[in-house]
Amino acid sequence: MLSRLRSSPLLRAALALVALGFLGYGLSKNWNDSVAALTRLSWWTVAGSFAAVLVGLGFMLVAWRAVLAGFGSRLPMGIAAKVLFMGQLGKYIPGSVWAFAAMMELARDHGSPPRRTFGATVVGLVDSLGCALALAAVTLPLTSQDVARQTWYLLALIPLIVIGLHPRVLTFGLNLLLRIARKEPLDQVLSGRAMLVATAWTMAGWLFYGAHIWLLLGDMRPGGASLFAVAAGAYALAWVTGLLTVIVPAGIGVREGAMVLVLAPVLDAPHALVIAVVSRLAFTLADVVWAGLGFLLARAHAPSASRTSEYAAQ
């Protein structure tokens, strides 16, 4: 598949159209619910929530770029945005390989070997999972002891993730995966400093993700700043649940159900579902906005033909 993507611009274009088609289908399928949900909220709340999602995704971009640089590939911010967000459109296609394949090939065009892009993407995903679980561990007990007890098994993953993100353990695990895939091992070990920088940016992104739910929640009921912990924990747990349900593209449906469950102590199910639907819509549109922005920013950076040919055979 990767070799075909590399050699066929037509196949790349077809894959992009398929991803946009699935994304559009998801939006149209839930259009009535989305419109109904939006009418329950003020425009400034929706706009503020969407802005928080955009900022959060921007922090995730900085974190991913820092990990990729730690592996030896320093991409300009515009190029990194194109690789990450245009590639991430593949997550809307059923199956778990499309986003990875698209990102590796887009990064290869700009001189980053696939093994580094694969490594940075895996690290970014695991790091985000760890930050989300840590945020949920801190906030869920403040939300509901019942919810905290029901999700203890997810929080139990935190020590495993911390161990797995140690540079030596991380490098061993990634090289094992690359060996199984019959690919070359990583040529540079990710430093502890690079991992800490990426984790700090990732957690900052998660706080903005929490803010986007907090704004929506505040429009449904009074509570002020005290609702932030509830909002942050609700989205963190919902995202983790959707991520671990790998059979559903981008966790569609699963994330919404988990969010309704966590918000139950402070909000009834119909209102919580409104928040879940608007949140899904905000992230979907933000994915498109960032992909378009990445495409435009990348046009200012001409790819290096020499570096592209250098890695073409890798």
C-alpha atoms as a PDB file:
ATOM      1  CA  MET A   1       0.000   0.000   0.000  1.00  0.00           C
ATOM      2  CA  LEU A   2       2.751   2.463   0.939  1.00  0.00           C
ATOM      3  CA  SER A   3       4.645   1.825  -2.288  1.00  0.00           C
ATOM      4  CA  ARG A   4       1.490   2.422  -4.310  1.00  0.00           C
ATOM      5  CA  LEU A   5       0.760   5.660  -2.458  1.00  0.00           C
ATOM      6  CA  ARG A   6       4.339   6.778  -3.108  1.00  0.00           C
ATOM      7  CA  SER A   7       4.232   6.162  -6.836  1.00  0.00           C
ATOM      8  CA  SER A   8       0.651   7.140  -7.679  1.00  0.00           C
ATOM      9  CA  PRO A   9      -0.549  10.743  -7.285  1.00  0.00           C
ATOM     10  CA  LEU A  10      -3.931   9.525  -8.531  1.00  0.00           C
ATOM     11  CA  LEU A  11      -4.203   7.045  -5.654  1.00  0.00           C
ATOM     12  CA  ARG A  12      -3.284   9.778  -3.167  1.00  0.00           C
ATOM     13  CA  ALA A  13      -5.980  12.044  -4.570  1.00  0.00           C
ATOM     14  CA  ALA A  14      -8.492   9.199  -4.481  1.00  0.00           C
ATOM     15  CA  LEU A  15      -7.638   8.459  -0.850  1.00  0.00           C
ATOM     16  CA  ALA A  16      -8.109  12.124   0.061  1.00  0.00           C
ATOM     17  CA  LEU A  17     -11.493  12.198  -1.679  1.00  0.00           C
ATOM     18  CA  VAL A  18     -12.567   8.999   0.074  1.00  0.00           C
ATOM     19  CA  ALA A  19     -11.585  10.484   3.462  1.00  0.00           C
ATOM     20  CA  LEU A  20     -13.531  13.688   2.718  1.00  0.00           C
ATOM     21  CA  GLY A  21     -16.444  11.570   1.494  1.00  0.00           C
ATOM     22  CA  PHE A  22     -16.638   9.620   4.759  1.00  0.00           C
ATOM     23  CA  LEU A  23     -16.258  12.846   6.720  1.00  0.00           C
ATOM     24  CA  GLY A  24     -19.060  14.476   4.725  1.00  0.00           C
ATOM     25  CA  TYR A  25     -21.238  11.399   5.135  1.00  0.00           C
ATOM     26  CA  GLY A  26     -20.769  11.526   8.896  1.00  0.00           C
ATOM     27  CA  LEU A  27     -21.745  15.199   8.960  1.00  0.00           C
ATOM     28  CA  SER A  28     -24.792  14.723   6.747  1.00  0.00           C
ATOM     29  CA  LYS A  29     -25.969  11.647   8.646  1.00  0.00           C
ATOM     30  CA  ASN A  30     -26.003  13.606  11.887  1.00  0.00           C
ATOM     31  CA  TRP A  31     -26.975  16.953  10.370  1.00  0.00           C
ATOM     32  CA  ASN A  32     -30.445  17.199  11.899  1.00  0.00           C
ATOM     33  CA  ASP A  33     -29.132  16.316  15.355  1.00  0.00           C
ATOM     34  CA  SER A  34     -26.296  18.812  14.960  1.00  0.00           C
ATOM     35  CA  VAL A  35     -28.591  21.653  13.889  1.00  0.00           C
ATOM     36  CA  ALA A  36     -31.012  20.887  16.725  1.00  0.00           C
ATOM     37  CA  ALA A  37     -28.130  20.869  19.203  1.00  0.00           C
ATOM     38  CA  LEU A  38     -26.740  24.169  17.929  1.00  0.00           C
ATOM     39  CA  THR A  39     -30.099  25.901  18.382  1.00  0.00           C
ATOM     40  CA  ARG A  40     -29.943  25.093  22.103  1.00  0.00           C
ATOM     41  CA  LEU A  41     -26.763  27.128  22.570  1.00  0.00           C
ATOM     42  CA  SER A  42     -25.773  30.753  22.092  1.00  0.00           C
ATOM     43  CA  TRP A  43     -23.621  31.587  19.073  1.00  0.00           C
ATOM     44  CA  TRP A  44     -20.793  33.028  21.176  1.00  0.00           C
ATOM     45  CA  THR A  45     -20.618  29.847  23.255  1.00  0.00           C
ATOM     46  CA  VAL A  46     -20.353  27.710  20.131  1.00  0.00           C
ATOM     47  CA  ALA A  47     -17.763  30.070  18.627  1.00  0.00           C
ATOM     48  CA  GLY A  48     -15.698  30.094  21.817  1.00  0.00           C
ATOM     49  CA  SER A  49     -15.863  26.311  22.083  1.00  0.00           C
ATOM     50  CA  PHE A  50     -14.755  25.921  18.455  1.00  0.00           C
ATOM     51  CA  ALA A  51     -11.873  28.355  19.015  1.00  0.00           C
ATOM     52  CA  ALA A  52     -10.744  26.330  22.051  1.00  0.00           C
ATOM     53  CA  VAL A  53     -10.697  23.175  19.903  1.00  0.00           C
ATOM     54  CA  LEU A  54      -8.604  24.930  17.235  1.00  0.00           C
ATOM     55  CA  VAL A  55      -6.087  26.086  19.856  1.00  0.00           C
ATOM     56  CA  GLY A  56      -5.978  22.640  21.450  1.00  0.00           C
ATOM     57  CA  LEU A  57      -5.231  21.011  18.104  1.00  0.00           C
ATOM     58  CA  GLY A  58      -2.532  23.612  17.523  1.00  0.00           C
ATOM     59  CA  PHE A  59      -0.814  22.598  20.767  1.00  0.00           C
ATOM     60  CA  MET A  60      -1.035  18.946  19.703  1.00  0.00           C
ATOM     61  CA  LEU A  61       0.697  19.920  16.457  1.00  0.00           C
ATOM     62  CA  VAL A  62       3.547  21.569  18.372  1.00  0.00           C
ATOM     63  CA  ALA A  63       3.883  18.452  20.555  1.00  0.00           C
ATOM     64  CA  TRP A  64       3.973  16.074  17.567  1.00  0.00           C
ATOM     65  CA  ARG A  65       6.490  18.273  15.746  1.00  0.00           C
ATOM     66  CA  ALA A  66       8.723  18.276  18.853  1.00  0.00           C
ATOM     67  CA  VAL A  67       8.730  14.461  18.951  1.00  0.00           C
ATOM     68  CA  LEU A  68       9.476  14.230  15.234  1.00  0.00           C
ATOM     69  CA  ALA A  69      12.353  16.685  15.684  1.00  0.00           C
ATOM     70  CA  GLY A  70      13.579  14.556  18.581  1.00  0.00           C
ATOM     71  CA  PHE A  71      13.824  11.630  16.186  1.00  0.00           C
ATOM     72  CA  GLY A  72      15.869  13.763  13.785  1.00  0.00           C
ATOM     73  CA  SER A  73      13.353  15.277  11.336  1.00  0.00           C
ATOM     74  CA  ARG A  74      12.762  19.013  11.854  1.00  0.00           C
ATOM     75  CA  LEU A  75       9.860  20.127   9.709  1.00  0.00           C
ATOM     76  CA  PRO A  76       8.756  23.761   9.358  1.00  0.00           C
ATOM     77  CA  MET A  77       5.516  24.412  11.210  1.00  0.00           C
ATOM     78  CA  GLY A  78       3.498  24.767   8.002  1.00  0.00           C
ATOM     79  CA  ILE A  79       4.802  21.477   6.615  1.00  0.00           C
ATOM     80  CA  ALA A  80       4.184  19.736   9.939  1.00  0.00           C
ATOM     81  CA  ALA A  81       0.589  21.027   9.938  1.00  0.00           C
ATOM     82  CA  LYS A  82       0.039  19.666   6.441  1.00  0.00           C
ATOM     83  CA  VAL A  83       1.486  16.255   7.288  1.00  0.00           C
ATOM     84  CA  LEU A  84      -0.361  15.866  10.575  1.00  0.00           C
ATOM     85  CA  PHE A  85      -3.785  17.245   9.741  1.00  0.00           C
ATOM     86  CA  MET A  86      -4.134  16.238   6.100  1.00  0.00           C
ATOM     87  CA  GLY A  87      -2.941  12.783   7.095  1.00  0.00           C
ATOM     88  CA  GLN A  88      -5.331  12.681  10.041  1.00  0.00           C
ATOM     89  CA  LEU A  89      -8.297  12.966   7.683  1.00  0.00           C
ATOM     90  CA  GLY A  90      -7.634   9.275   7.048  1.00  0.00           C
ATOM     91  CA  LYS A  91      -9.038   8.449  10.496  1.00  0.00           C
ATOM     92  CA  TYR A  92     -12.531   8.999   9.101  1.00  0.00           C
ATOM     93  CA  ILE A  93     -12.051   6.013   6.787  1.00  0.00           C
ATOM     94  CA  PRO A  94     -12.925   2.656   8.414  1.00  0.00           C
ATOM     95  CA  GLY A  95      -9.697   0.890   9.362  1.00  0.00           C
ATOM     96  CA  SER A  96      -6.768   1.994  11.472  1.00  0.00           C
ATOM     97  CA  VAL A  97      -4.010   2.246   8.853  1.00  0.00           C
ATOM     98  CA  TRP A  98      -5.092   5.056   6.559  1.00  0.00           C
ATOM     99  CA  ALA A  99      -4.051   7.990   8.714  1.00  0.00           C
ATOM    100  CA  PHE A 100      -0.673   6.398   9.450  1.00  0.00           C
ATOM    101  CA  ALA A 101      -0.052   5.612   5.783  1.00  0.00           C
ATOM    102  CA  ALA A 102      -1.030   9.103   4.626  1.00  0.00           C
ATOM    103  CA  MET A 103       1.107  10.838   7.251  1.00  0.00           C
ATOM    104  CA  MET A 104       4.177   8.731   6.480  1.00  0.00           C
ATOM    105  CA  GLU A 105       3.947   9.440   2.770  1.00  0.00           C
ATOM    106  CA  LEU A 106       3.258  13.153   3.205  1.00  0.00           C
ATOM    107  CA  ALA A 107       6.245  13.440   5.549  1.00  0.00           C
ATOM    108  CA  ARG A 108       8.430  11.450   3.142  1.00  0.00           C
ATOM    109  CA  ASP A 109       7.746  14.112   0.513  1.00  0.00           C
ATOM    110  CA  HIS A 110       9.482  16.593   2.817  1.00  0.00           C
ATOM    111  CA  GLY A 111      12.470  14.471   3.789  1.00  0.00           C
ATOM    112  CA  SER A 112      11.276  12.605   6.878  1.00  0.00           C
ATOM    113  CA  PRO A 113      11.801   8.827   6.655  1.00  0.00           C
ATOM    114  CA  PRO A 114       8.623   6.807   7.346  1.00  0.00           C
ATOM    115  CA  ARG A 115      10.164   5.185  10.433  1.00  0.00           C
ATOM    116  CA  ARG A 116      10.524   8.585  12.124  1.00  0.00           C
ATOM    117  CA  THR A 117       7.000   9.696  11.207  1.00  0.00           C
ATOM    118  CA  PHE A 118       5.615   6.370  12.399  1.00  0.00           C
ATOM    119  CA  GLY A 119       7.565   6.660  15.644  1.00  0.00           C
ATOM    120  CA  ALA A 120       6.483  10.266  16.277  1.00  0.00           C
ATOM    121  CA  THR A 121       2.840   9.433  15.582  1.00  0.00           C
ATOM    122  CA  VAL A 122       2.813   6.429  17.899  1.00  0.00           C
ATOM    123  CA  VAL A 123       4.564   8.408  20.636  1.00  0.00           C
ATOM    124  CA  GLY A 124       2.157  11.315  20.178  1.00  0.00           C
ATOM    125  CA  LEU A 125      -0.840   8.999  20.453  1.00  0.00           C
ATOM    126  CA  VAL A 126       0.439   7.219  23.567  1.00  0.00           C
ATOM    127  CA  ASP A 127       1.480  10.520  25.150  1.00  0.00           C
ATOM    128  CA  SER A 128      -1.964  11.978  24.484  1.00  0.00           C
ATOM    129  CA  LEU A 129      -3.562   8.862  25.955  1.00  0.00           C
ATOM    130  CA  GLY A 130      -1.434   9.211  29.086  1.00  0.00           C
ATOM    131  CA  CYS A 131      -2.264  12.914  29.486  1.00  0.00           C
ATOM    132  CA  ALA A 132      -5.974  12.248  29.001  1.00  0.00           C
ATOM    133  CA  LEU A 133      -5.963   9.466  31.587  1.00  0.00           C
ATOM    134  CA  ALA A 134      -3.997  11.605  34.043  1.00  0.00           C
ATOM    135  CA  LEU A 135      -6.470  14.456  33.595  1.00  0.00           C
ATOM    136  CA  ALA A 136      -9.368  12.063  34.104  1.00  0.00           C
ATOM    137  CA  ALA A 137      -7.713  10.603  37.213  1.00  0.00           C
ATOM    138  CA  VAL A 138      -7.484  14.067  38.777  1.00  0.00           C
ATOM    139  CA  THR A 139     -10.939  15.306  37.779  1.00  0.00           C
ATOM    140  CA  LEU A 140     -13.255  12.278  37.874  1.00  0.00           C
ATOM    141  CA  PRO A 141     -13.249  11.896  41.666  1.00  0.00           C
ATOM    142  CA  LEU A 142     -14.382  15.532  41.818  1.00  0.00           C
ATOM    143  CA  THR A 143     -17.144  14.714  39.352  1.00  0.00           C
ATOM    144  CA  SER A 144     -18.571  11.475  40.679  1.00  0.00           C
ATOM    145  CA  GLN A 145     -17.187   8.686  42.829  1.00  0.00           C
ATOM    146  CA  ASP A 146     -19.432   6.243  40.951  1.00  0.00           C
ATOM    147  CA  VAL A 147     -17.909   7.211  37.594  1.00  0.00           C
ATOM    148  CA  ALA A 148     -14.408   6.987  39.074  1.00  0.00           C
ATOM    149  CA  ARG A 149     -15.108   3.482  40.350  1.00  0.00           C
ATOM    150  CA  GLN A 150     -16.589   2.365  37.036  1.00  0.00           C
ATOM    151  CA  THR A 151     -13.529   3.530  35.086  1.00  0.00           C
ATOM    152  CA  TRP A 152     -10.746   2.367  37.410  1.00  0.00           C
ATOM    153  CA  TYR A 153      -9.441  -0.043  34.781  1.00  0.00           C
ATOM    154  CA  LEU A 154      -8.691   2.854  32.417  1.00  0.00           C
ATOM    155  CA  LEU A 155      -6.833   4.791  35.088  1.00  0.00           C
ATOM    156  CA  ALA A 156      -4.816   1.669  35.858  1.00  0.00           C
ATOM    157  CA  LEU A 157      -3.182   2.124  32.444  1.00  0.00           C
ATOM    158  CA  ILE A 158      -1.360   5.278  33.592  1.00  0.00           C
ATOM    159  CA  PRO A 159       1.661   3.520  35.215  1.00  0.00           C
ATOM    160  CA  LEU A 160       2.068   1.337  32.121  1.00  0.00           C
ATOM    161  CA  ILE A 161       2.028   4.381  29.853  1.00  0.00           C
ATOM    162  CA  VAL A 162       4.561   6.229  32.033  1.00  0.00           C
ATOM    163  CA  ILE A 163       6.909   3.235  31.835  1.00  0.00           C
ATOM    164  CA  GLY A 164       6.288   2.866  28.112  1.00  0.00           C
ATOM    165  CA  LEU A 165       7.208   6.490  27.452  1.00  0.00           C
ATOM    166  CA  HIS A 166      10.647   6.152  29.025  1.00  0.00           C
ATOM    167  CA  PRO A 167      13.085   6.815  26.136  1.00  0.00           C
ATOM    168  CA  ARG A 168      14.837   3.442  26.386  1.00  0.00           C
ATOM    169  CA  VAL A 169      11.625   1.439  26.675  1.00  0.00           C
ATOM    170  CA  LEU A 170      10.032   3.544  23.965  1.00  0.00           C
ATOM    171  CA  THR A 171      12.890   3.050  21.516  1.00  0.00           C
ATOM    172  CA  PHE A 172      12.943  -0.695  22.142  1.00  0.00           C
ATOM    173  CA  GLY A 173       9.194  -0.993  21.562  1.00  0.00           C
ATOM    174  CA  LEU A 174       9.174   1.110  18.392  1.00  0.00           C
ATOM    175  CA  ASN A 175      12.143  -0.748  16.918  1.00  0.00           C
ATOM    176  CA  LEU A 176      10.409  -4.038  17.691  1.00  0.00           C
ATOM    177  CA  LEU A 177       7.341  -2.891  15.759  1.00  0.00           C
ATOM    178  CA  LEU A 178       9.521  -1.713  12.880  1.00  0.00           C
ATOM    179  CA  ARG A 179      11.378  -5.034  12.855  1.00  0.00           C
ATOM    180  CA  ILE A 180       8.085  -6.925  12.683  1.00  0.00           C
ATOM    181  CA  ALA A 181       7.080  -4.706   9.759  1.00  0.00           C
ATOM    182  CA  ARG A 182      10.488  -5.407   8.166  1.00  0.00           C
ATOM    183  CA  LYS A 183      11.489  -1.768   8.266  1.00  0.00           C
ATOM    184  CA  GLU A 184      14.738  -0.104   9.302  1.00  0.00           C
ATOM    185  CA  PRO A 185      15.058   0.746  13.011  1.00  0.00           C
ATOM    186  CA  LEU A 186      15.073   4.286  14.357  1.00  0.00           C
ATOM    187  CA  ASP A 187      18.438   5.948  13.868  1.00  0.00           C
ATOM    188  CA  GLN A 188      18.084   8.311  16.837  1.00  0.00           C
ATOM    189  CA  VAL A 189      16.834   7.852  20.393  1.00  0.00           C
ATOM    190  CA  LEU A 190      14.238  10.326  21.602  1.00  0.00           C
ATOM    191  CA  SER A 191      15.689  12.331  24.479  1.00  0.00           C
ATOM    192  CA  GLY A 192      13.974  12.712  27.823  1.00  0.00           C
ATOM    193  CA  ARG A 193      13.887  16.488  27.315  1.00  0.00           C
ATOM    194  CA  ALA A 194      12.061  16.142  23.996  1.00  0.00           C
ATOM    195  CA  MET A 195       9.557  13.807  25.649  1.00  0.00           C
ATOM    196  CA  LEU A 196       8.933  16.264  28.501  1.00  0.00           C
ATOM    197  CA  VAL A 197       8.477  19.179  26.094  1.00  0.00           C
ATOM    198  CA  ALA A 198       6.004  17.177  24.027  1.00  0.00           C
ATOM    199  CA  THR A 199       4.105  16.099  27.142  1.00  0.00           C
ATOM    200  CA  ALA A 200       3.833  19.696  28.359  1.00  0.00           C
ATOM    201  CA  TRP A 201       2.382  20.848  25.034  1.00  0.00           C
ATOM    202  CA  THR A 202       0.055  17.845  24.941  1.00  0.00           C
ATOM    203  CA  MET A 203      -1.315  18.568  28.406  1.00  0.00           C
ATOM    204  CA  ALA A 204      -1.826  22.210  27.417  1.00  0.00           C
ATOM    205  CA  GLY A 205      -3.851  20.964  24.462  1.00  0.00           C
ATOM    206  CA  TRP A 206      -5.945  18.796  26.766  1.00  0.00           C
ATOM    207  CA  LEU A 207      -6.726  21.750  29.001  1.00  0.00           C
ATOM    208  CA  PHE A 208      -8.116  23.601  25.977  1.00  0.00           C
ATOM    209  CA  TYR A 209     -10.112  20.514  25.032  1.00  0.00           C
ATOM    210  CA  GLY A 210     -11.577  20.659  28.534  1.00  0.00           C
ATOM    211  CA  ALA A 211     -12.309  24.361  28.050  1.00  0.00           C
ATOM    212  CA  HIS A 212     -14.389  23.679  24.944  1.00  0.00           C
ATOM    213  CA  ILE A 213     -16.704  21.392  26.955  1.00  0.00           C
ATOM    214  CA  TRP A 214     -16.705  23.820  29.894  1.00  0.00           C
ATOM    215  CA  LEU A 215     -18.015  26.642  27.697  1.00  0.00           C
ATOM    216  CA  LEU A 216     -20.819  24.452  26.370  1.00  0.00           C
ATOM    217  CA  LEU A 217     -21.638  23.139  29.831  1.00  0.00           C
ATOM    218  CA  GLY A 218     -21.775  26.651  31.249  1.00  0.00           C
ATOM    219  CA  ASP A 219     -24.421  27.549  28.681  1.00  0.00           C
ATOM    220  CA  MET A 220     -26.589  24.681  29.944  1.00  0.00           C
ATOM    221  CA  ARG A 221     -26.417  25.295  33.675  1.00  0.00           C
ATOM    222  CA  PRO A 222     -24.797  27.696  36.173  1.00  0.00           C
ATOM    223  CA  GLY A 223     -21.583  26.688  37.884  1.00  0.00           C
ATOM    224  CA  GLY A 224     -18.784  28.921  36.667  1.00  0.00           C
ATOM    225  CA  ALA A 225     -15.167  27.831  37.033  1.00  0.00           C
ATOM    226  CA  SER A 226     -16.138  24.949  39.321  1.00  0.00           C
ATOM    227  CA  LEU A 227     -17.491  23.079  36.285  1.00  0.00           C
ATOM    228  CA  PHE A 228     -14.116  23.019  34.535  1.00  0.00           C
ATOM    229  CA  ALA A 229     -12.973  19.836  36.294  1.00  0.00           C
ATOM    230  CA  VAL A 230     -16.200  18.109  35.293  1.00  0.00           C
ATOM    231  CA  ALA A 231     -15.845  19.251  31.692  1.00  0.00           C
ATOM    232  CA  ALA A 232     -12.162  18.308  31.386  1.00  0.00           C
ATOM    233  CA  GLY A 233     -12.701  14.881  32.933  1.00  0.00           C
ATOM    234  CA  ALA A 234     -15.770  14.206  30.787  1.00  0.00           C
ATOM    235  CA  TYR A 235     -14.015  14.886  27.498  1.00  0.00           C
ATOM    236  CA  ALA A 236     -10.794  13.120  28.535  1.00  0.00           C
ATOM    237  CA  LEU A 237     -12.629   9.930  29.469  1.00  0.00           C
ATOM    238  CA  ALA A 238     -14.899  10.121  26.423  1.00  0.00           C
ATOM    239  CA  TRP A 239     -11.897  10.493  24.089  1.00  0.00           C
ATOM    240  CA  VAL A 240     -10.040   7.586  25.683  1.00  0.00           C
ATOM    241  CA  THR A 241     -13.120   5.385  25.415  1.00  0.00           C
ATOM    242  CA  GLY A 242     -13.563   6.295  21.758  1.00  0.00           C
ATOM    243  CA  LEU A 243      -9.869   5.706  21.025  1.00  0.00           C
ATOM    244  CA  LEU A 244      -9.856   2.252  22.602  1.00  0.00           C
ATOM    245  CA  THR A 245     -12.956   1.274  20.600  1.00  0.00           C
ATOM    246  CA  VAL A 246     -10.909   0.745  17.442  1.00  0.00           C
ATOM    247  CA  ILE A 247     -13.697  -0.806  15.352  1.00  0.00           C
ATOM    248  CA  VAL A 248     -15.502   2.535  15.014  1.00  0.00           C
ATOM    249  CA  PRO A 249     -14.022   5.258  12.734  1.00  0.00           C
ATOM    250  CA  ALA A 250     -12.755   8.114  14.953  1.00  0.00           C
ATOM    251  CA  GLY A 251     -14.756   6.704  17.885  1.00  0.00           C
ATOM    252  CA  ILE A 252     -18.049   7.957  16.418  1.00  0.00           C
ATOM    253  CA  GLY A 253     -20.955   7.298  18.768  1.00  0.00           C
ATOM    254  CA  VAL A 254     -18.823   5.771  21.506  1.00  0.00           C
ATOM    255  CA  ARG A 255     -17.339   9.096  22.584  1.00  0.00           C
ATOM    256  CA  GLU A 256     -20.768  10.684  22.806  1.00  0.00           C
ATOM    257  CA  GLY A 257     -22.155   7.888  24.994  1.00  0.00           C
ATOM    258  CA  ALA A 258     -19.216   8.066  27.382  1.00  0.00           C
ATOM    259  CA  MET A 259     -19.551  11.834  27.688  1.00  0.00           C
ATOM    260  CA  VAL A 260     -23.247  11.569  28.565  1.00  0.00           C
ATOM    261  CA  LEU A 261     -22.326   9.036  31.263  1.00  0.00           C
ATOM    262  CA  VAL A 262     -19.680  11.247  32.871  1.00  0.00           C
ATOM    263  CA  LEU A 263     -21.804  14.399  32.715  1.00  0.00           C
ATOM    264  CA  ALA A 264     -24.783  12.610  34.292  1.00  0.00           C
ATOM    265  CA  PRO A 265     -24.076  13.890  37.850  1.00  0.00           C
ATOM    266  CA  VAL A 266     -24.368  17.523  36.704  1.00  0.00           C
ATOM    267  CA  LEU A 267     -26.553  17.388  33.598  1.00  0.00           C
ATOM    268  CA  ASP A 268     -29.500  15.326  32.392  1.00  0.00           C
ATOM    269  CA  ALA A 269     -29.008  13.020  29.404  1.00  0.00           C
ATOM    270  CA  PRO A 270     -30.765  15.133  26.718  1.00  0.00           C
ATOM    271  CA  HIS A 271     -28.676  18.231  27.523  1.00  0.00           C
ATOM    272  CA  ALA A 272     -25.489  16.183  27.846  1.00  0.00           C
ATOM    273  CA  LEU A 273     -26.166  14.693  24.416  1.00  0.00           C
ATOM    274  CA  VAL A 274     -26.429  18.216  22.972  1.00  0.00           C
ATOM    275  CA  ILE A 275     -22.949  18.963  24.305  1.00  0.00           C
ATOM    276  CA  ALA A 276     -21.605  15.671  22.928  1.00  0.00           C
ATOM    277  CA  VAL A 277     -23.027  16.329  19.456  1.00  0.00           C
ATOM    278  CA  VAL A 278     -21.720  19.912  19.296  1.00  0.00           C
ATOM    279  CA  SER A 279     -18.312  18.722  20.519  1.00  0.00           C
ATOM    280  CA  ARG A 280     -18.150  16.118  17.759  1.00  0.00           C
ATOM    281  CA  LEU A 281     -19.131  18.734  15.173  1.00  0.00           C
ATOM    282  CA  ALA A 282     -16.516  21.179  16.487  1.00  0.00           C
ATOM    283  CA  PHE A 283     -13.704  18.630  16.233  1.00  0.00           C
ATOM    284  CA  THR A 284     -14.763  17.478  12.779  1.00  0.00           C
ATOM    285  CA  LEU A 285     -14.836  21.022  11.423  1.00  0.00           C
ATOM    286  CA  ALA A 286     -11.582  21.864  13.216  1.00  0.00           C
ATOM    287  CA  ASP A 287      -9.908  18.878  11.518  1.00  0.00           C
ATOM    288  CA  VAL A 288     -10.973  20.282   8.154  1.00  0.00           C
ATOM    289  CA  VAL A 289      -9.888  23.834   9.020  1.00  0.00           C
ATOM    290  CA  TRP A 290      -6.450  22.700  10.199  1.00  0.00           C
ATOM    291  CA  ALA A 291      -6.004  20.438   7.157  1.00  0.00           C
ATOM    292  CA  GLY A 292      -6.814  23.356   4.865  1.00  0.00           C
ATOM    293  CA  LEU A 293      -4.566  25.696   6.830  1.00  0.00           C
ATOM    294  CA  GLY A 294      -1.740  23.154   6.707  1.00  0.00           C
ATOM    295  CA  PHE A 295      -2.143  22.818   2.943  1.00  0.00           C
ATOM    296  CA  LEU A 296      -1.956  26.583   2.467  1.00  0.00           C
ATOM    297  CA  LEU A 297       0.993  27.050   4.831  1.00  0.00           C
ATOM    298  CA  ALA A 298       2.916  24.211   3.194  1.00  0.00           C
ATOM    299  CA  ARG A 299       2.671  25.856  -0.200  1.00  0.00           C
ATOM    300  CA  ALA A 300       5.084  28.510   1.073  1.00  0.00           C
ATOM    301  CA  HIS A 301       7.733  25.812   1.610  1.00  0.00           C
ATOM    302  CA  ALA A 302       9.081  24.200  -1.562  1.00  0.00           C
ATOM    303  CA  PRO A 303      10.000  20.564  -0.801  1.00  0.00           C
ATOM    304  CA  SER A 304      13.656  19.690  -1.123  1.00  0.00           C
ATOM    305  CA  ALA A 305      14.036  17.405  -4.111  1.00  0.00           C
ATOM    306  CA  SER A 306      17.405  16.186  -2.920  1.00  0.00           C
ATOM    307  CA  ARG A 307      16.111  15.140   0.490  1.00  0.00           C
ATOM    308  CA  THR A 308      12.998  13.554  -1.008  1.00  0.00           C
ATOM    309  CA  SER A 309      15.066  11.419  -3.365  1.00  0.00           C
ATOM    310  CA  GLU A 310      17.448  10.571  -0.520  1.00  0.00           C
ATOM    311  CA  TYR A 311      14.659   8.946   1.485  1.00  0.00           C
ATOM    312  CA  ALA A 312      12.635   7.578  -1.429  1.00  0.00           C
ATOM    313  CA  ALA A 313      14.316   4.206  -1.224  1.00  0.00           C
ATOM    314  CA  GLN A 314      14.049   3.918   2.575  1.00  0.00           C
END
